[in-house]
Amino acid sequence: MVPDDDDERVAVEIELSRDLLAEIDELAVLEGYETPSAVVQEALERH
């Protein structure tokens, strides 16, 4: 069992199409994010 620690980080691996990755990057830039990871959920909800 993994301890419930708020500071614990986990790695997640997913496969996305190139088109979706391009949209994530575009949304990140348009919204002023430094990295696209902050808009991954929004892009996934669009598809």
C-alpha atoms as a PDB file:
ATOM      1  CA  MET A   1       0.000   0.000   0.000  1.00  0.00           C
ATOM      2  CA  VAL A   2       1.236   3.489  -0.879  1.00  0.00           C
ATOM      3  CA  PRO A   3       1.138   5.989   1.995  1.00  0.00           C
ATOM      4  CA  ASP A   4      -1.239   8.941   1.597  1.00  0.00           C
ATOM      5  CA  ASP A   5       1.236  11.817   1.423  1.00  0.00           C
ATOM      6  CA  ASP A   6       0.297  15.157  -0.155  1.00  0.00           C
ATOM      7  CA  ASP A   7       3.920  15.769  -1.181  1.00  0.00           C
ATOM      8  CA  GLU A   8       4.259  12.411  -2.929  1.00  0.00           C
ATOM      9  CA  ARG A   9       4.594  12.542  -6.700  1.00  0.00           C
ATOM     10  CA  VAL A  10       3.754   9.853  -9.194  1.00  0.00           C
ATOM     11  CA  ALA A  11       4.566   9.421 -12.859  1.00  0.00           C
ATOM     12  CA  VAL A  12       1.794   8.767 -15.351  1.00  0.00           C
ATOM     13  CA  GLU A  13       2.389   7.585 -18.885  1.00  0.00           C
ATOM     14  CA  ILE A  14      -0.263   8.131 -21.543  1.00  0.00           C
ATOM     15  CA  GLU A  15      -0.328   7.949 -25.311  1.00  0.00           C
ATOM     16  CA  LEU A  16      -1.809  10.859 -27.251  1.00  0.00           C
ATOM     17  CA  SER A  17      -2.133  11.552 -30.950  1.00  0.00           C
ATOM     18  CA  ARG A  18       0.156  14.151 -32.515  1.00  0.00           C
ATOM     19  CA  ASP A  19      -2.884  16.311 -33.277  1.00  0.00           C
ATOM     20  CA  LEU A  20      -3.958  16.305 -29.643  1.00  0.00           C
ATOM     21  CA  LEU A  21      -0.424  17.087 -28.473  1.00  0.00           C
ATOM     22  CA  ALA A  22      -0.316  20.017 -30.893  1.00  0.00           C
ATOM     23  CA  GLU A  23      -3.635  21.289 -29.526  1.00  0.00           C
ATOM     24  CA  ILE A  24      -2.341  20.988 -25.955  1.00  0.00           C
ATOM     25  CA  ASP A  25       0.742  23.005 -26.848  1.00  0.00           C
ATOM     26  CA  GLU A  26      -1.379  25.632 -28.620  1.00  0.00           C
ATOM     27  CA  LEU A  27      -3.765  25.969 -25.678  1.00  0.00           C
ATOM     28  CA  ALA A  28      -0.854  26.261 -23.259  1.00  0.00           C
ATOM     29  CA  VAL A  29       0.647  29.134 -25.211  1.00  0.00           C
ATOM     30  CA  LEU A  30      -2.686  30.904 -25.683  1.00  0.00           C
ATOM     31  CA  GLU A  31      -3.515  30.638 -21.982  1.00  0.00           C
ATOM     32  CA  GLY A  32      -0.063  31.788 -20.856  1.00  0.00           C
ATOM     33  CA  TYR A  33       1.061  28.495 -19.333  1.00  0.00           C
ATOM     34  CA  GLU A  34       4.759  27.711 -19.158  1.00  0.00           C
ATOM     35  CA  THR A  35       4.122  24.025 -19.820  1.00  0.00           C
ATOM     36  CA  PRO A  36       1.293  22.267 -21.634  1.00  0.00           C
ATOM     37  CA  SER A  37       0.582  19.907 -18.729  1.00  0.00           C
ATOM     38  CA  ALA A  38      -1.760  22.407 -17.101  1.00  0.00           C
ATOM     39  CA  VAL A  39      -4.177  22.210 -20.052  1.00  0.00           C
ATOM     40  CA  VAL A  40      -4.078  18.469 -20.714  1.00  0.00           C
ATOM     41  CA  GLN A  41      -7.415  17.897 -19.018  1.00  0.00           C
ATOM     42  CA  GLU A  42      -9.108  20.687 -20.980  1.00  0.00           C
ATOM     43  CA  ALA A  43      -7.820  19.309 -24.276  1.00  0.00           C
ATOM     44  CA  LEU A  44      -8.897  15.772 -23.376  1.00  0.00           C
ATOM     45  CA  GLU A  45     -12.394  17.032 -22.582  1.00  0.00           C
ATOM     46  CA  ARG A  46     -12.599  18.637 -26.043  1.00  0.00           C
ATOM     47  CA  HIS A  47     -12.056  15.270 -27.748  1.00  0.00           C
END
